[in-house]
Amino acid sequence: MAPKITEFAYGDLNPVLSSKNKPSIDKDEGFFDILKRTAEIVHTPDSMEGIIELRGIVLSVEKKIKWKNQIPQNSWISDHYFLGNNYLPEPLQAYKIYIPELHAHLPRVRDLEKDKAKIERYPTFIASSSGVEPASAGQLVRITFTNVSSQEGPIYLGPIFNKPIEPVDEQVKTAIETYKEENRPPSSIARPPDEE
C-alpha cells in the first residue's frame, strides 16, 4: 500500500502568530472586531518576521544536485559554489517539501505514489551541505530560506525524527500484527524500545 500523507492543518507544524502579535481579547469587544483585528495581524507584511526555521513534510526525494544545469530556480546555490566548473565538489540532496502554513494554495497531496504531478508543484529544498542527514518521503524535517519573508533560497536542514510518519490506520494495523505475533499486551507495544 502506498504511504498516505498525514493531514496537517494550517498552524499545526509552525506558529502562525508570534507571541508578540497574539491578540488579546477585550471582553467588551465584539466577535467581528476581534476577528478583524486578528486578520490584520496575521496578514501584515512582516508576519514571518523573527522566524528562522520552519518544519515541513518530505513529499519526495529528488535527484542529488551535482551539475550547474540541475539547480532549480530560486535556489540558494549560486555560481560561485561551482569554483569555475560546471559541477559542485560534492553533490547535494534535493527534496520536495510541504509546509502547511506556506503551501495552503497548492493542491493537497494525499498519496505519495499517485500524486506525482501535484508534488512537482511544490518547491525544491536543497541540503545545506553534503553532510546533512538524509530524509525519506513522509518524514518531518527542518527547513529554512536564505530570505524567509520572500521564501527565496529554500534550504533543507535535516530530519526531526528518524523515521517517516505512518498514518494512524497503519500504526494501529502494525500494533495489532505485533500483538498477534508476540502475544504481548498492547501496553508493552507503546513503550519505546530503549525502555524495554
Protein backbone atom coordinates (compact mmCIF):
# COMPACT_ATOMS: atom_id res chain seq x y z
CA MET A 1 0.00 0.00 0.00
CA ALA A 2 1.31 3.45 -0.90
CA PRO A 3 2.12 5.72 2.04
CA LYS A 4 -0.50 8.38 2.80
CA ILE A 5 0.27 11.91 3.96
CA THR A 6 -0.97 12.76 7.44
CA GLU A 7 -3.43 15.62 7.25
CA PHE A 8 -1.60 18.51 8.89
CA ALA A 9 -3.68 21.67 9.08
CA TYR A 10 -2.63 25.29 8.84
CA GLY A 11 -0.76 26.12 12.05
CA ASP A 12 -0.05 22.51 13.11
CA LEU A 13 3.68 22.44 12.32
CA ASN A 14 4.68 26.11 12.50
CA PRO A 15 3.47 29.05 14.59
CA VAL A 16 1.02 31.24 12.74
CA LEU A 17 1.25 34.15 15.16
CA SER A 18 4.36 35.16 17.03
CA SER A 19 3.91 35.67 20.78
CA LYS A 20 4.34 39.43 20.34
CA ASN A 21 1.44 39.57 17.85
CA LYS A 22 -1.05 37.32 19.63
CA PRO A 23 -4.26 39.27 20.01
CA SER A 24 -5.58 39.94 23.47
CA ILE A 25 -9.29 39.65 23.96
CA ASP A 26 -11.18 42.56 25.44
CA LYS A 27 -14.46 41.34 26.96
CA ASP A 28 -16.23 44.49 25.72
CA GLU A 29 -15.07 43.92 22.14
CA GLY A 30 -17.40 42.21 19.69
CA PHE A 31 -16.69 38.96 17.84
CA PHE A 32 -16.25 40.62 14.43
CA ASP A 33 -13.93 43.28 15.89
CA ILE A 34 -11.69 40.54 17.32
CA LEU A 35 -11.83 38.63 14.04
CA LYS A 36 -10.92 41.76 12.04
CA ARG A 37 -8.01 42.64 14.35
CA THR A 38 -6.67 39.07 14.25
CA ALA A 39 -6.85 39.01 10.43
CA GLU A 40 -4.96 42.31 10.26
CA ILE A 41 -2.21 40.92 12.49
CA VAL A 42 -1.92 37.64 10.55
CA HIS A 43 -1.85 39.31 7.14
CA THR A 44 0.67 42.05 7.86
CA PRO A 45 3.73 42.05 5.57
CA ASP A 46 6.05 41.17 8.47
CA SER A 47 4.13 38.08 9.63
CA MET A 48 7.29 36.00 9.03
CA GLU A 49 9.49 38.41 10.99
CA GLY A 50 11.66 36.63 13.53
CA ILE A 51 11.09 33.16 12.04
CA ILE A 52 14.38 31.43 11.31
CA GLU A 53 13.42 27.79 10.91
CA LEU A 54 10.25 26.02 9.80
CA ARG A 55 9.03 22.44 9.77
CA GLY A 56 7.61 20.53 6.82
CA ILE A 57 6.93 17.07 5.40
CA VAL A 58 9.05 15.48 2.67
CA LEU A 59 6.87 14.66 -0.33
CA SER A 60 9.65 13.22 -2.47
CA VAL A 61 13.39 12.69 -2.50
CA GLU A 62 14.74 14.26 -5.68
CA LYS A 63 17.99 13.55 -7.54
CA LYS A 64 21.15 14.93 -5.98
CA ILE A 65 22.28 18.29 -7.35
CA LYS A 66 25.75 18.00 -8.88
CA TRP A 67 25.69 19.83 -12.19
CA LYS A 68 25.10 23.54 -12.73
CA ASN A 69 22.14 22.89 -15.06
CA GLN A 70 20.35 20.89 -12.30
CA ILE A 71 19.95 23.88 -9.99
CA PRO A 72 16.27 24.76 -9.56
CA GLN A 73 15.10 28.32 -9.95
CA ASN A 74 15.16 30.36 -6.72
CA SER A 75 17.93 28.17 -5.22
CA TRP A 76 20.43 29.21 -2.55
CA ILE A 77 23.28 27.74 -4.62
CA SER A 78 24.91 30.47 -6.65
CA ASP A 79 27.51 30.35 -9.41
CA HIS A 80 30.45 30.88 -7.06
CA TYR A 81 29.88 27.42 -5.46
CA PHE A 82 30.97 25.82 -8.72
CA LEU A 83 34.53 27.15 -8.42
CA GLY A 84 34.78 27.82 -12.17
CA ASN A 85 33.43 24.36 -13.09
CA ASN A 86 30.04 23.14 -14.24
CA TYR A 87 29.69 20.85 -11.22
CA LEU A 88 29.72 21.02 -7.41
CA PRO A 89 32.66 19.47 -5.50
CA GLU A 90 30.14 17.22 -3.66
CA PRO A 91 26.52 16.54 -4.68
CA LEU A 92 23.73 17.95 -2.51
CA GLN A 93 20.43 16.13 -1.90
CA ALA A 94 17.20 17.82 -3.01
CA TYR A 95 13.65 17.33 -1.65
CA LYS A 96 10.10 18.44 -2.44
CA ILE A 97 8.71 19.60 0.92
CA TYR A 98 5.21 20.59 2.04
CA ILE A 99 4.84 23.34 4.67
CA PRO A 100 1.12 23.60 5.59
CA GLU A 101 1.35 27.25 6.62
CA LEU A 102 3.01 28.33 3.35
CA HIS A 103 1.58 25.91 0.80
CA ALA A 104 -2.16 26.08 1.51
CA HIS A 105 -2.68 27.37 -2.04
CA LEU A 106 -1.11 24.28 -3.66
CA PRO A 107 -3.11 21.12 -4.40
CA ARG A 108 -3.20 18.76 -1.41
CA VAL A 109 -1.07 15.61 -1.81
CA ARG A 110 -2.90 12.59 -0.43
CA ASP A 111 -0.83 9.75 -1.88
CA LEU A 112 2.94 9.93 -2.41
CA GLU A 113 2.85 7.34 -5.20
CA LYS A 114 -0.15 8.56 -7.22
CA ASP A 115 0.14 12.35 -6.81
CA LYS A 116 3.49 12.88 -8.62
CA ALA A 117 2.11 15.72 -10.77
CA LYS A 118 0.90 17.57 -7.66
CA ILE A 119 4.23 17.02 -5.89
CA GLU A 120 6.09 18.66 -8.79
CA ARG A 121 4.33 21.95 -7.97
CA TYR A 122 5.97 22.15 -4.52
CA PRO A 123 9.31 23.94 -4.00
CA THR A 124 12.62 22.09 -4.14
CA PHE A 125 14.72 22.37 -0.98
CA ILE A 126 18.45 21.65 -1.30
CA ALA A 127 20.53 20.33 1.60
CA SER A 128 22.68 22.94 3.33
CA SER A 129 25.73 20.68 2.95
CA SER A 130 26.68 17.19 1.77
CA GLY A 131 26.88 16.05 5.42
CA VAL A 132 23.24 16.75 6.32
CA GLU A 133 21.35 13.66 7.50
CA PRO A 134 19.08 12.42 4.68
CA ALA A 135 15.30 12.07 4.93
CA SER A 136 12.71 9.92 3.21
CA ALA A 137 9.21 10.64 1.89
CA GLY A 138 6.71 11.26 4.68
CA GLN A 139 9.34 12.37 7.18
CA LEU A 140 9.05 15.56 9.27
CA VAL A 141 12.00 17.85 8.55
CA ARG A 142 13.52 21.21 9.47
CA ILE A 143 13.90 23.78 6.69
CA THR A 144 14.72 27.45 6.21
CA PHE A 145 15.21 30.00 3.44
CA THR A 146 18.01 32.42 2.64
CA ASN A 147 15.22 35.05 2.83
CA VAL A 148 12.31 33.77 4.92
CA SER A 149 9.94 36.66 4.22
CA SER A 150 10.21 36.26 0.41
CA GLN A 151 10.72 32.46 0.60
CA GLU A 152 13.80 32.64 -1.62
CA GLY A 153 16.58 30.08 -1.42
CA PRO A 154 14.87 27.02 0.13
CA ILE A 155 17.33 25.07 2.35
CA TYR A 156 16.86 21.59 3.84
CA LEU A 157 18.39 21.37 7.36
CA GLY A 158 17.64 17.77 8.41
CA PRO A 159 15.01 15.42 9.80
CA ILE A 160 13.21 15.96 13.11
CA PHE A 161 12.68 12.24 13.76
CA ASN A 162 14.50 9.22 12.37
CA LYS A 163 11.56 7.66 10.52
CA PRO A 164 8.61 8.76 8.37
CA ILE A 165 5.17 9.45 9.81
CA GLU A 166 2.84 6.49 9.47
CA PRO A 167 -0.86 7.17 9.04
CA VAL A 168 -2.86 6.30 12.17
CA ASP A 169 -4.56 3.32 10.48
CA GLU A 170 -1.14 1.90 9.59
CA GLN A 171 0.06 2.35 13.20
CA VAL A 172 -2.98 0.50 14.51
CA LYS A 173 -2.53 -2.29 11.97
CA THR A 174 1.16 -2.61 12.92
CA ALA A 175 0.29 -2.71 16.63
CA ILE A 176 -2.32 -5.43 16.10
CA GLU A 177 0.08 -7.51 14.00
CA THR A 178 2.82 -7.11 16.62
CA TYR A 179 0.42 -8.17 19.36
CA LYS A 180 -0.66 -11.25 17.44
CA GLU A 181 2.93 -12.23 16.61
CA GLU A 182 4.42 -11.65 20.04
CA ASN A 183 1.27 -12.28 22.15
CA ARG A 184 2.04 -9.34 24.44
CA PRO A 185 -0.47 -6.94 25.96
CA PRO A 186 -0.93 -3.76 23.88
CA SER A 187 0.56 -1.56 26.67
CA SER A 188 4.01 -3.05 26.02
CA ILE A 189 3.79 -2.14 22.33
CA ALA A 190 3.61 1.59 23.07
CA ARG A 191 6.81 1.58 25.13
CA PRO A 192 9.91 2.91 23.31
CA PRO A 193 12.46 0.16 22.51
CA ASP A 194 15.16 1.64 24.78
CA GLU A 195 12.92 1.23 27.89
CA GLU A 196 12.23 -2.49 27.46
